[in-house]
Amino acid sequence: MKTARKSFGPDYECKKEWPEEMFVQCGESGVVFSKSGNYSTAFFEAFPKSPSCFLRGEGSSIEEAEEDCWNRYQKVLACDHEMERRDRKDGYGYCKHCSYSSMVFEPLTKCCKCGKPSYKVVDYKGNFYCDKHKVNKLRDPNPSRYFDDSNKRTPRKYKKRLKNAATKRFRKDGILGPVKFKTSITGSIKIECSGMILSLLFKRQHRMLLGTYKPKIAGDEYDD
């Protein structure tokens, strides 16, 4: 039986027949940010390869969330997909009839140097660059407290706060051992402890983790 990776604790044994090559993950409590108000819910996420997309199901339990995600997946498989931009300019599109979404259009944003459609690299002024001209990207002279430029290293003090918050979370779940902090060139972070990995891919995940604990105060000590 296929299993889904959980952020903490043993993997979840799936109830549905997900393809073996498909990556799935889940959790008992995930925070959702919405205009109507933030809320916490169990979730189940799937990353199909054909069609390539991201699917998320929610419910009062992981079982309910998996059922929700499975129903979305079945609808995606049966749909003919009529795509629309929905005011996005980067080429990402959404199906009008199901939850399928993917990068299907040519970007409307163009490289400020050569005019080639591009969306991946943008400077602090909002100018876009293609792969050839991304070396000309302007550096922000006044970066914010959180690292915004992928070419910069994670600030040491911010790294310590993340590691300290992650250590407390590991210990709370009974996971002991040395905590190792790794940052990729893309800015994603992996924090390991006794074979368990906490992945932080987006800045809002960093803020959610840090928000669980109080900020560092004078006299606090951290693991190396």
C-alpha atoms as a PDB file:
ATOM      1  CA  MET A   1       0.000   0.000   0.000  1.00  0.00           C
ATOM      2  CA  LYS A   2       1.305   3.458  -0.893  1.00  0.00           C
ATOM      3  CA  THR A   3       2.173   5.810   1.963  1.00  0.00           C
ATOM      4  CA  ALA A   4       2.090   9.593   2.176  1.00  0.00           C
ATOM      5  CA  ARG A   5       4.879  11.506   3.875  1.00  0.00           C
ATOM      6  CA  LYS A   6       3.980  13.463   6.996  1.00  0.00           C
ATOM      7  CA  SER A   7       5.911  16.433   8.366  1.00  0.00           C
ATOM      8  CA  PHE A   8       6.173  14.665  11.723  1.00  0.00           C
ATOM      9  CA  GLY A   9       5.518  11.134  12.860  1.00  0.00           C
ATOM     10  CA  PRO A  10       5.171   7.920  10.857  1.00  0.00           C
ATOM     11  CA  ASP A  11       3.987   8.035   7.243  1.00  0.00           C
ATOM     12  CA  TYR A  12       0.263   7.823   6.558  1.00  0.00           C
ATOM     13  CA  GLU A  13      -1.036   4.674   4.844  1.00  0.00           C
ATOM     14  CA  CYS A  14      -3.153   5.811   1.887  1.00  0.00           C
ATOM     15  CA  LYS A  15      -6.678   4.497   1.482  1.00  0.00           C
ATOM     16  CA  LYS A  16      -6.823   5.199  -2.265  1.00  0.00           C
ATOM     17  CA  GLU A  17      -4.884   3.594  -5.125  1.00  0.00           C
ATOM     18  CA  TRP A  18      -2.551   6.478  -5.922  1.00  0.00           C
ATOM     19  CA  PRO A  19      -0.007   5.780  -8.725  1.00  0.00           C
ATOM     20  CA  GLU A  20       3.301   4.598  -7.300  1.00  0.00           C
ATOM     21  CA  GLU A  21       5.276   7.280  -9.155  1.00  0.00           C
ATOM     22  CA  MET A  22       3.129  10.083  -7.720  1.00  0.00           C
ATOM     23  CA  PHE A  23       4.432  11.981  -4.689  1.00  0.00           C
ATOM     24  CA  VAL A  24       1.861  12.521  -1.933  1.00  0.00           C
ATOM     25  CA  GLN A  25       2.105  14.170   1.471  1.00  0.00           C
ATOM     26  CA  CYS A  26      -0.277  15.043   4.269  1.00  0.00           C
ATOM     27  CA  GLY A  27      -0.668  16.527   7.718  1.00  0.00           C
ATOM     28  CA  GLU A  28      -3.124  16.649  10.580  1.00  0.00           C
ATOM     29  CA  SER A  29      -2.988  20.422  10.923  1.00  0.00           C
ATOM     30  CA  GLY A  30      -2.134  22.921   8.195  1.00  0.00           C
ATOM     31  CA  VAL A  31      -2.781  26.662   8.275  1.00  0.00           C
ATOM     32  CA  VAL A  32      -4.693  28.126   5.322  1.00  0.00           C
ATOM     33  CA  PHE A  33      -4.552  31.862   4.610  1.00  0.00           C
ATOM     34  CA  SER A  34      -7.680  33.270   2.949  1.00  0.00           C
ATOM     35  CA  LYS A  35      -9.447  36.602   2.530  1.00  0.00           C
ATOM     36  CA  SER A  36     -12.369  35.392   4.625  1.00  0.00           C
ATOM     37  CA  GLY A  37     -10.066  34.425   7.507  1.00  0.00           C
ATOM     38  CA  ASN A  38      -7.270  32.003   8.350  1.00  0.00           C
ATOM     39  CA  TYR A  39      -8.062  28.489   9.545  1.00  0.00           C
ATOM     40  CA  SER A  40      -6.389  25.187  10.412  1.00  0.00           C
ATOM     41  CA  THR A  41      -7.318  21.905   8.726  1.00  0.00           C
ATOM     42  CA  ALA A  42      -6.089  18.404   7.977  1.00  0.00           C
ATOM     43  CA  PHE A  43      -4.763  18.217   4.428  1.00  0.00           C
ATOM     44  CA  PHE A  44      -3.652  15.766   1.758  1.00  0.00           C
ATOM     45  CA  GLU A  45      -1.570  16.927  -1.219  1.00  0.00           C
ATOM     46  CA  ALA A  46      -0.784  15.101  -4.465  1.00  0.00           C
ATOM     47  CA  PHE A  47       1.597  15.968  -7.291  1.00  0.00           C
ATOM     48  CA  PRO A  48       0.497  14.110 -10.454  1.00  0.00           C
ATOM     49  CA  LYS A  49       2.961  13.898 -13.347  1.00  0.00           C
ATOM     50  CA  SER A  50       0.364  13.392 -16.073  1.00  0.00           C
ATOM     51  CA  PRO A  51      -1.109  15.908 -16.177  1.00  0.00           C
ATOM     52  CA  SER A  52       1.551  17.748 -14.205  1.00  0.00           C
ATOM     53  CA  CYS A  53      -0.210  19.718 -11.474  1.00  0.00           C
ATOM     54  CA  PHE A  54      -0.751  20.179  -7.753  1.00  0.00           C
ATOM     55  CA  LEU A  55      -3.859  18.945  -5.921  1.00  0.00           C
ATOM     56  CA  ARG A  56      -4.852  19.586  -2.312  1.00  0.00           C
ATOM     57  CA  GLY A  57      -7.685  18.095  -0.321  1.00  0.00           C
ATOM     58  CA  GLU A  58      -8.913  19.256   3.095  1.00  0.00           C
ATOM     59  CA  GLY A  59     -11.061  17.753   5.831  1.00  0.00           C
ATOM     60  CA  SER A  60     -11.521  17.208   9.551  1.00  0.00           C
ATOM     61  CA  SER A  61      -9.097  14.251   9.326  1.00  0.00           C
ATOM     62  CA  ILE A  62      -6.381  13.058   6.952  1.00  0.00           C
ATOM     63  CA  GLU A  63      -8.781  10.353   5.701  1.00  0.00           C
ATOM     64  CA  GLU A  64     -11.368  12.992   4.748  1.00  0.00           C
ATOM     65  CA  ALA A  65      -8.678  15.170   3.183  1.00  0.00           C
ATOM     66  CA  GLU A  66      -7.436  12.220   1.096  1.00  0.00           C
ATOM     67  CA  GLU A  67     -11.001  11.519  -0.080  1.00  0.00           C
ATOM     68  CA  ASP A  68     -11.377  15.159  -1.095  1.00  0.00           C
ATOM     69  CA  CYS A  69      -8.041  15.128  -2.935  1.00  0.00           C
ATOM     70  CA  TRP A  70      -8.881  11.819  -4.648  1.00  0.00           C
ATOM     71  CA  ASN A  71     -12.200  13.211  -5.942  1.00  0.00           C
ATOM     72  CA  ARG A  72     -10.362  16.245  -7.340  1.00  0.00           C
ATOM     73  CA  TYR A  73      -7.846  13.942  -9.024  1.00  0.00           C
ATOM     74  CA  GLN A  74     -10.581  11.846 -10.655  1.00  0.00           C
ATOM     75  CA  LYS A  75     -12.268  15.000 -11.944  1.00  0.00           C
ATOM     76  CA  VAL A  76      -8.953  16.231 -13.382  1.00  0.00           C
ATOM     77  CA  LEU A  77      -8.434  12.914 -15.212  1.00  0.00           C
ATOM     78  CA  ALA A  78     -11.899  13.032 -16.773  1.00  0.00           C
ATOM     79  CA  CYS A  79     -11.849  16.722 -17.728  1.00  0.00           C
ATOM     80  CA  ASP A  80     -11.026  18.178 -21.170  1.00  0.00           C
ATOM     81  CA  HIS A  81      -9.512  21.284 -19.491  1.00  0.00           C
ATOM     82  CA  GLU A  82     -10.585  24.675 -20.787  1.00  0.00           C
ATOM     83  CA  MET A  83      -7.863  26.950 -19.440  1.00  0.00           C
ATOM     84  CA  GLU A  84      -7.929  30.630 -18.466  1.00  0.00           C
ATOM     85  CA  ARG A  85      -5.322  33.030 -17.048  1.00  0.00           C
ATOM     86  CA  ARG A  86      -7.470  34.641 -14.294  1.00  0.00           C
ATOM     87  CA  ASP A  87      -5.483  37.885 -14.405  1.00  0.00           C
ATOM     88  CA  ARG A  88      -2.128  36.121 -14.069  1.00  0.00           C
ATOM     89  CA  LYS A  89       0.649  37.224 -16.403  1.00  0.00           C
ATOM     90  CA  ASP A  90       3.263  34.530 -15.777  1.00  0.00           C
ATOM     91  CA  GLY A  91       1.670  31.901 -18.031  1.00  0.00           C
ATOM     92  CA  TYR A  92      -0.028  29.946 -15.247  1.00  0.00           C
ATOM     93  CA  GLY A  93      -3.554  28.826 -16.133  1.00  0.00           C
ATOM     94  CA  TYR A  94      -6.601  27.389 -14.367  1.00  0.00           C
ATOM     95  CA  CYS A  95      -9.198  25.012 -15.760  1.00  0.00           C
ATOM     96  CA  LYS A  96     -12.744  26.424 -15.799  1.00  0.00           C
ATOM     97  CA  HIS A  97     -14.271  23.063 -14.914  1.00  0.00           C
ATOM     98  CA  CYS A  98     -11.963  21.314 -12.411  1.00  0.00           C
ATOM     99  CA  SER A  99      -9.113  21.989  -9.984  1.00  0.00           C
ATOM    100  CA  TYR A 100      -6.368  21.426 -12.588  1.00  0.00           C
ATOM    101  CA  SER A 101      -3.871  24.272 -12.908  1.00  0.00           C
ATOM    102  CA  SER A 102      -0.459  24.461 -14.512  1.00  0.00           C
ATOM    103  CA  MET A 103       1.943  26.597 -16.554  1.00  0.00           C
ATOM    104  CA  VAL A 104       0.245  26.350 -19.955  1.00  0.00           C
ATOM    105  CA  PHE A 105       0.405  29.837 -21.515  1.00  0.00           C
ATOM    106  CA  GLU A 106       3.248  31.990 -22.790  1.00  0.00           C
ATOM    107  CA  PRO A 107       4.144  34.657 -20.204  1.00  0.00           C
ATOM    108  CA  LEU A 108       2.778  38.143 -20.824  1.00  0.00           C
ATOM    109  CA  THR A 109       5.737  39.682 -19.000  1.00  0.00           C
ATOM    110  CA  LYS A 110       8.841  40.300 -21.108  1.00  0.00           C
ATOM    111  CA  CYS A 111      12.578  40.639 -20.520  1.00  0.00           C
ATOM    112  CA  CYS A 112      13.468  44.305 -20.069  1.00  0.00           C
ATOM    113  CA  LYS A 113      16.649  43.786 -22.126  1.00  0.00           C
ATOM    114  CA  CYS A 114      15.533  41.834 -25.204  1.00  0.00           C
ATOM    115  CA  GLY A 115      11.729  41.637 -25.012  1.00  0.00           C
ATOM    116  CA  LYS A 116      11.608  37.834 -24.816  1.00  0.00           C
ATOM    117  CA  PRO A 117       8.627  36.465 -22.794  1.00  0.00           C
ATOM    118  CA  SER A 118       9.933  35.754 -19.291  1.00  0.00           C
ATOM    119  CA  TYR A 119       8.621  35.552 -15.741  1.00  0.00           C
ATOM    120  CA  LYS A 120      11.181  33.672 -13.605  1.00  0.00           C
ATOM    121  CA  VAL A 121      13.622  36.461 -12.727  1.00  0.00           C
ATOM    122  CA  VAL A 122      12.432  39.882 -11.559  1.00  0.00           C
ATOM    123  CA  ASP A 123      14.250  42.692  -9.742  1.00  0.00           C
ATOM    124  CA  TYR A 124      13.033  44.914  -6.919  1.00  0.00           C
ATOM    125  CA  LYS A 125      11.726  47.480  -9.442  1.00  0.00           C
ATOM    126  CA  GLY A 126       9.515  44.894 -11.160  1.00  0.00           C
ATOM    127  CA  ASN A 127      11.681  44.477 -14.267  1.00  0.00           C
ATOM    128  CA  PHE A 128      11.803  40.944 -15.723  1.00  0.00           C
ATOM    129  CA  TYR A 129      14.845  39.156 -17.181  1.00  0.00           C
ATOM    130  CA  CYS A 130      15.265  36.110 -19.422  1.00  0.00           C
ATOM    131  CA  ASP A 131      17.863  33.401 -18.701  1.00  0.00           C
ATOM    132  CA  LYS A 132      20.397  35.150 -20.932  1.00  0.00           C
ATOM    133  CA  HIS A 133      20.080  38.552 -19.254  1.00  0.00           C
ATOM    134  CA  LYS A 134      19.388  37.539 -15.637  1.00  0.00           C
ATOM    135  CA  VAL A 135      23.022  38.417 -14.820  1.00  0.00           C
ATOM    136  CA  ASN A 136      21.963  42.057 -15.302  1.00  0.00           C
ATOM    137  CA  LYS A 137      19.357  41.865 -12.550  1.00  0.00           C
ATOM    138  CA  LEU A 138      19.437  44.925 -10.305  1.00  0.00           C
ATOM    139  CA  ARG A 139      20.222  44.347  -6.625  1.00  0.00           C
ATOM    140  CA  ASP A 140      17.885  45.845  -4.053  1.00  0.00           C
ATOM    141  CA  PRO A 141      19.868  48.521  -2.128  1.00  0.00           C
ATOM    142  CA  ASN A 142      17.465  48.223   0.831  1.00  0.00           C
ATOM    143  CA  PRO A 143      16.527  44.532   1.271  1.00  0.00           C
ATOM    144  CA  SER A 144      13.868  43.615   3.829  1.00  0.00           C
ATOM    145  CA  ARG A 145      14.631  41.677   7.018  1.00  0.00           C
ATOM    146  CA  TYR A 146      13.651  38.422   5.312  1.00  0.00           C
ATOM    147  CA  PHE A 147      15.929  37.275   2.503  1.00  0.00           C
ATOM    148  CA  ASP A 148      14.340  38.328  -0.806  1.00  0.00           C
ATOM    149  CA  ASP A 149      17.265  37.819  -3.178  1.00  0.00           C
ATOM    150  CA  SER A 150      17.996  34.183  -4.065  1.00  0.00           C
ATOM    151  CA  ASN A 151      21.662  35.086  -4.576  1.00  0.00           C
ATOM    152  CA  LYS A 152      22.071  36.078  -0.919  1.00  0.00           C
ATOM    153  CA  ARG A 153      22.760  33.695   1.931  1.00  0.00           C
ATOM    154  CA  THR A 154      20.256  33.212   4.719  1.00  0.00           C
ATOM    155  CA  PRO A 155      20.969  35.886   7.380  1.00  0.00           C
ATOM    156  CA  ARG A 156      22.747  34.263  10.330  1.00  0.00           C
ATOM    157  CA  LYS A 157      20.355  35.604  12.987  1.00  0.00           C
ATOM    158  CA  TYR A 158      17.308  34.529  10.965  1.00  0.00           C
ATOM    159  CA  LYS A 159      18.837  31.076  10.438  1.00  0.00           C
ATOM    160  CA  LYS A 160      19.342  30.712  14.194  1.00  0.00           C
ATOM    161  CA  ARG A 161      15.724  31.651  14.910  1.00  0.00           C
ATOM    162  CA  LEU A 162      14.447  29.098  12.381  1.00  0.00           C
ATOM    163  CA  LYS A 163      16.713  26.375  13.749  1.00  0.00           C
ATOM    164  CA  ASN A 164      15.711  27.128  17.330  1.00  0.00           C
ATOM    165  CA  ALA A 165      12.001  27.047  16.472  1.00  0.00           C
ATOM    166  CA  ALA A 166      12.444  23.776  14.550  1.00  0.00           C
ATOM    167  CA  THR A 167      14.409  22.226  17.449  1.00  0.00           C
ATOM    168  CA  LYS A 168      11.569  23.003  19.866  1.00  0.00           C
ATOM    169  CA  ARG A 169       9.076  21.511  17.440  1.00  0.00           C
ATOM    170  CA  PHE A 170      11.139  18.324  17.044  1.00  0.00           C
ATOM    171  CA  ARG A 171      11.493  17.964  20.824  1.00  0.00           C
ATOM    172  CA  LYS A 172       7.748  18.541  21.326  1.00  0.00           C
ATOM    173  CA  ASP A 173       7.083  15.514  19.103  1.00  0.00           C
ATOM    174  CA  GLY A 174       9.668  13.409  20.937  1.00  0.00           C
ATOM    175  CA  ILE A 175      12.274  13.565  18.152  1.00  0.00           C
ATOM    176  CA  LEU A 176      15.715  13.810  19.722  1.00  0.00           C
ATOM    177  CA  GLY A 177      19.210  14.177  18.324  1.00  0.00           C
ATOM    178  CA  PRO A 178      21.319  16.861  16.611  1.00  0.00           C
ATOM    179  CA  VAL A 179      19.478  19.302  14.365  1.00  0.00           C
ATOM    180  CA  LYS A 180      21.060  20.081  10.981  1.00  0.00           C
ATOM    181  CA  PHE A 181      20.149  23.110   8.868  1.00  0.00           C
ATOM    182  CA  LYS A 182      20.571  23.101   5.067  1.00  0.00           C
ATOM    183  CA  THR A 183      19.797  25.823   2.525  1.00  0.00           C
ATOM    184  CA  SER A 184      19.645  25.228  -1.234  1.00  0.00           C
ATOM    185  CA  ILE A 185      20.680  27.749  -3.894  1.00  0.00           C
ATOM    186  CA  THR A 186      16.979  28.348  -4.604  1.00  0.00           C
ATOM    187  CA  GLY A 187      16.374  29.489  -1.018  1.00  0.00           C
ATOM    188  CA  SER A 188      14.453  26.408   0.171  1.00  0.00           C
ATOM    189  CA  ILE A 189      15.380  25.095   3.620  1.00  0.00           C
ATOM    190  CA  LYS A 190      15.579  21.585   5.049  1.00  0.00           C
ATOM    191  CA  ILE A 191      16.015  20.992   8.774  1.00  0.00           C
ATOM    192  CA  GLU A 192      16.914  17.409   9.725  1.00  0.00           C
ATOM    193  CA  CYS A 193      16.764  15.562  13.031  1.00  0.00           C
ATOM    194  CA  SER A 194      17.077  11.780  13.594  1.00  0.00           C
ATOM    195  CA  GLY A 195      16.015  10.881  10.072  1.00  0.00           C
ATOM    196  CA  MET A 196      13.068  13.309   9.988  1.00  0.00           C
ATOM    197  CA  ILE A 197      13.081  16.304   7.634  1.00  0.00           C
ATOM    198  CA  LEU A 198      11.185  19.580   8.032  1.00  0.00           C
ATOM    199  CA  SER A 199      11.016  21.299   4.630  1.00  0.00           C
ATOM    200  CA  LEU A 200      10.385  25.039   4.308  1.00  0.00           C
ATOM    201  CA  LEU A 201       9.843  26.042   0.681  1.00  0.00           C
ATOM    202  CA  PHE A 202       7.991  29.336   1.057  1.00  0.00           C
ATOM    203  CA  LYS A 203       8.470  32.395   3.247  1.00  0.00           C
ATOM    204  CA  ARG A 204       5.008  32.046   4.739  1.00  0.00           C
ATOM    205  CA  GLN A 205       6.068  28.619   6.069  1.00  0.00           C
ATOM    206  CA  HIS A 206       9.029  30.312   7.762  1.00  0.00           C
ATOM    207  CA  ARG A 207       6.719  32.866   9.379  1.00  0.00           C
ATOM    208  CA  MET A 208       4.296  30.148  10.482  1.00  0.00           C
ATOM    209  CA  LEU A 209       7.123  28.215  12.140  1.00  0.00           C
ATOM    210  CA  LEU A 210       8.614  31.289  13.808  1.00  0.00           C
ATOM    211  CA  GLY A 211       5.208  32.507  14.884  1.00  0.00           C
ATOM    212  CA  THR A 212       4.777  29.415  17.045  1.00  0.00           C
ATOM    213  CA  TYR A 213       7.486  30.635  19.400  1.00  0.00           C
ATOM    214  CA  LYS A 214       8.663  33.892  20.901  1.00  0.00           C
ATOM    215  CA  PRO A 215      11.482  35.775  19.106  1.00  0.00           C
ATOM    216  CA  LYS A 216      15.015  35.457  20.396  1.00  0.00           C
ATOM    217  CA  ILE A 217      15.837  37.519  23.480  1.00  0.00           C
ATOM    218  CA  ALA A 218      19.159  38.430  25.020  1.00  0.00           C
ATOM    219  CA  GLY A 219      20.824  35.451  26.684  1.00  0.00           C
ATOM    220  CA  ASP A 220      19.179  32.773  24.513  1.00  0.00           C
ATOM    221  CA  GLU A 221      21.547  30.038  23.361  1.00  0.00           C
ATOM    222  CA  TYR A 222      21.299  27.959  20.190  1.00  0.00           C
ATOM    223  CA  ASP A 223      22.777  24.702  18.978  1.00  0.00           C
ATOM    224  CA  ASP A 224      25.631  25.028  16.500  1.00  0.00           C
END
